[in-house]
Protein backbone atom coordinates (compact mmCIF):
# COMPACT_ATOMS: atom_id res chain seq x y z
CA UNK A 1 193.01 173.41 -55.77
CA UNK A 2 189.68 171.78 -56.93
CA UNK A 3 190.86 168.29 -55.32
CA UNK A 4 191.75 169.96 -51.95
CA UNK A 5 188.35 171.77 -52.12
CA UNK A 6 186.68 167.84 -52.68
CA UNK A 7 188.60 166.37 -50.16
CA UNK A 8 187.59 168.86 -47.59
CA UNK A 9 183.96 168.66 -48.21
CA UNK A 10 184.26 164.69 -48.30
CA UNK A 11 185.81 164.89 -44.89
CA UNK A 12 183.16 167.46 -43.69
CA UNK A 13 180.22 164.90 -44.73
CA UNK A 14 182.25 162.10 -43.16
CA UNK A 15 182.34 163.96 -40.12
CA UNK A 16 178.66 164.92 -40.03
CA UNK A 17 177.60 161.30 -40.78
CA UNK A 18 179.80 160.00 -37.90
CA UNK A 19 178.18 162.57 -35.55
CA UNK A 20 174.67 161.58 -36.60
CA UNK A 21 175.28 157.67 -36.24
CA UNK A 22 176.51 158.67 -32.85
CA UNK A 23 173.19 160.43 -32.06
CA UNK A 24 171.04 157.80 -33.47
CA UNK A 25 172.96 155.12 -31.45
CA UNK A 26 172.38 156.96 -28.32
CA UNK A 27 168.85 157.78 -28.87
CA UNK A 28 168.02 154.22 -29.87
CA UNK A 29 170.36 152.16 -27.33
CA UNK A 30 168.02 150.05 -25.40
CA UNK A 31 166.88 150.83 -22.08
CA UNK A 32 168.25 149.05 -19.11
CA UNK A 33 166.95 148.18 -15.62
CA UNK A 34 168.27 149.27 -12.05
CA UNK A 35 168.38 146.91 -9.29
CA UNK A 36 169.03 143.20 -8.94
CA UNK A 37 168.45 140.87 -11.72
CA UNK A 38 168.67 137.23 -11.74
CA UNK A 39 169.68 136.09 -15.41
CA UNK A 40 170.43 132.64 -16.76
CA UNK A 41 173.57 132.28 -18.97
CA UNK A 42 173.99 128.96 -20.95
CA UNK A 43 177.46 128.37 -22.70
CA UNK A 44 177.58 125.99 -25.10
CA UNK A 45 181.10 124.74 -26.13
CA UNK A 46 182.72 123.56 -29.07
CA UNK A 47 182.26 119.77 -28.26
CA UNK A 48 178.66 120.51 -27.56
CA UNK A 49 178.77 120.57 -23.87
CA UNK A 50 176.78 122.94 -22.23
CA UNK A 51 177.05 124.91 -18.99
CA UNK A 52 174.36 126.69 -17.26
CA UNK A 53 175.15 129.57 -14.90
CA UNK A 54 172.68 131.53 -12.63
CA UNK A 55 174.12 134.91 -11.97
CA UNK A 56 172.71 137.32 -9.64
CA UNK A 57 173.68 140.77 -10.64
CA UNK A 58 173.17 144.43 -10.61
CA UNK A 59 174.95 145.08 -13.57
CA UNK A 60 172.97 146.47 -16.58
CA UNK A 61 174.69 144.93 -19.32
CA UNK A 62 175.59 141.29 -20.01
CA UNK A 63 179.25 141.80 -20.45
CA UNK A 64 179.31 143.56 -17.13
CA UNK A 65 177.72 140.51 -15.40
CA UNK A 66 180.03 138.36 -17.19
CA UNK A 67 183.17 140.18 -16.29
CA UNK A 68 181.73 140.04 -12.48
CA UNK A 69 181.67 136.37 -12.99
CA UNK A 70 185.04 136.00 -14.49
CA UNK A 71 183.66 134.54 -17.57
CA UNK A 72 185.61 137.03 -19.68
CA UNK A 73 188.64 138.94 -19.19
CA UNK A 74 189.10 142.80 -18.71
CA UNK A 75 191.14 143.10 -21.79
CA UNK A 76 188.46 141.63 -24.09
CA UNK A 77 185.70 143.57 -22.10
CA UNK A 78 187.74 146.84 -22.60
CA UNK A 79 187.97 145.93 -26.23
CA UNK A 80 184.48 144.68 -26.80
CA UNK A 81 185.50 141.83 -28.62
CA UNK A 82 185.47 138.45 -27.23
CA UNK A 83 187.65 135.23 -28.23
CA UNK A 84 187.61 133.69 -24.89
CA UNK A 85 184.56 132.82 -22.67
CA UNK A 86 185.02 130.88 -19.45
CA UNK A 87 188.66 130.17 -20.50
CA UNK A 88 187.98 128.68 -23.87
CA UNK A 89 189.11 130.44 -27.08
CA UNK A 90 187.24 130.62 -30.69
CA UNK A 91 189.40 132.50 -32.50
CA UNK A 92 188.12 133.47 -36.09
CA UNK A 93 191.50 134.58 -37.35
CA UNK A 94 192.88 131.13 -36.44
CA UNK A 95 190.09 128.85 -37.49
CA UNK A 96 187.12 130.87 -38.44
CA UNK A 97 185.40 129.93 -34.79
CA UNK A 98 183.51 132.44 -32.87
CA UNK A 99 181.01 132.89 -29.88
CA UNK A 100 177.69 133.66 -31.09
CA UNK A 101 175.16 135.49 -28.32
CA UNK A 102 171.52 134.46 -28.06
CA UNK A 103 168.90 135.96 -26.24
CA UNK A 104 165.79 133.74 -25.64
CA UNK A 105 166.58 131.52 -28.59
CA UNK A 106 167.30 134.71 -31.13
CA UNK A 107 170.60 136.12 -32.25
CA UNK A 108 171.41 139.61 -30.93
CA UNK A 109 171.75 142.49 -32.86
CA UNK A 110 174.09 144.11 -30.61
CA UNK A 111 177.41 142.88 -28.72
CA UNK A 112 177.66 141.92 -25.20
CA UNK A 113 178.90 145.40 -23.92
CA UNK A 114 175.36 147.02 -25.44
CA UNK A 115 173.27 144.08 -24.39
CA UNK A 116 171.01 145.08 -21.41
CA UNK A 117 169.89 142.35 -19.06
CA UNK A 118 166.63 142.31 -17.31
CA UNK A 119 165.56 140.10 -14.36
CA UNK A 120 164.65 136.53 -15.72
CA UNK A 121 166.73 137.12 -19.01
CA UNK A 122 167.97 134.09 -20.48
CA UNK A 123 171.09 134.15 -22.75
CA UNK A 124 172.88 131.48 -24.57
CA UNK A 125 176.98 131.82 -25.55
CA UNK A 126 177.64 129.32 -28.38
CA UNK A 127 180.77 128.30 -29.82
CA UNK A 128 180.19 129.01 -33.22
CA UNK A 129 182.49 127.02 -35.80
CA UNK A 130 183.49 127.87 -39.29
């Protein structure tokens, strides 16, 4: 009986912590700008080649703009986890490679689905080997 009560208490605490985290995320989520924005996205591929893409968008988040430009797939957009950028796969599970996103030279602290875009922003998406 004691174990059952302990499990119920622990589950309740976990639910409260998850709810608190959701509220904190909603309150601290970066603001977005409405309207037309011009952004620059530079993709650095596995071989070091770079491609600069100027995007004019009214989307509020980077992933939305990349989806609009068909640089990411709808499936990965929905999952929020990107292994393929502009048709190039970086698969951590296969060889430890991944895509790292930078804004103005700094690694971002949020994923592309949560990364707001403002007019004039510059992003780098870099193939990062293991």
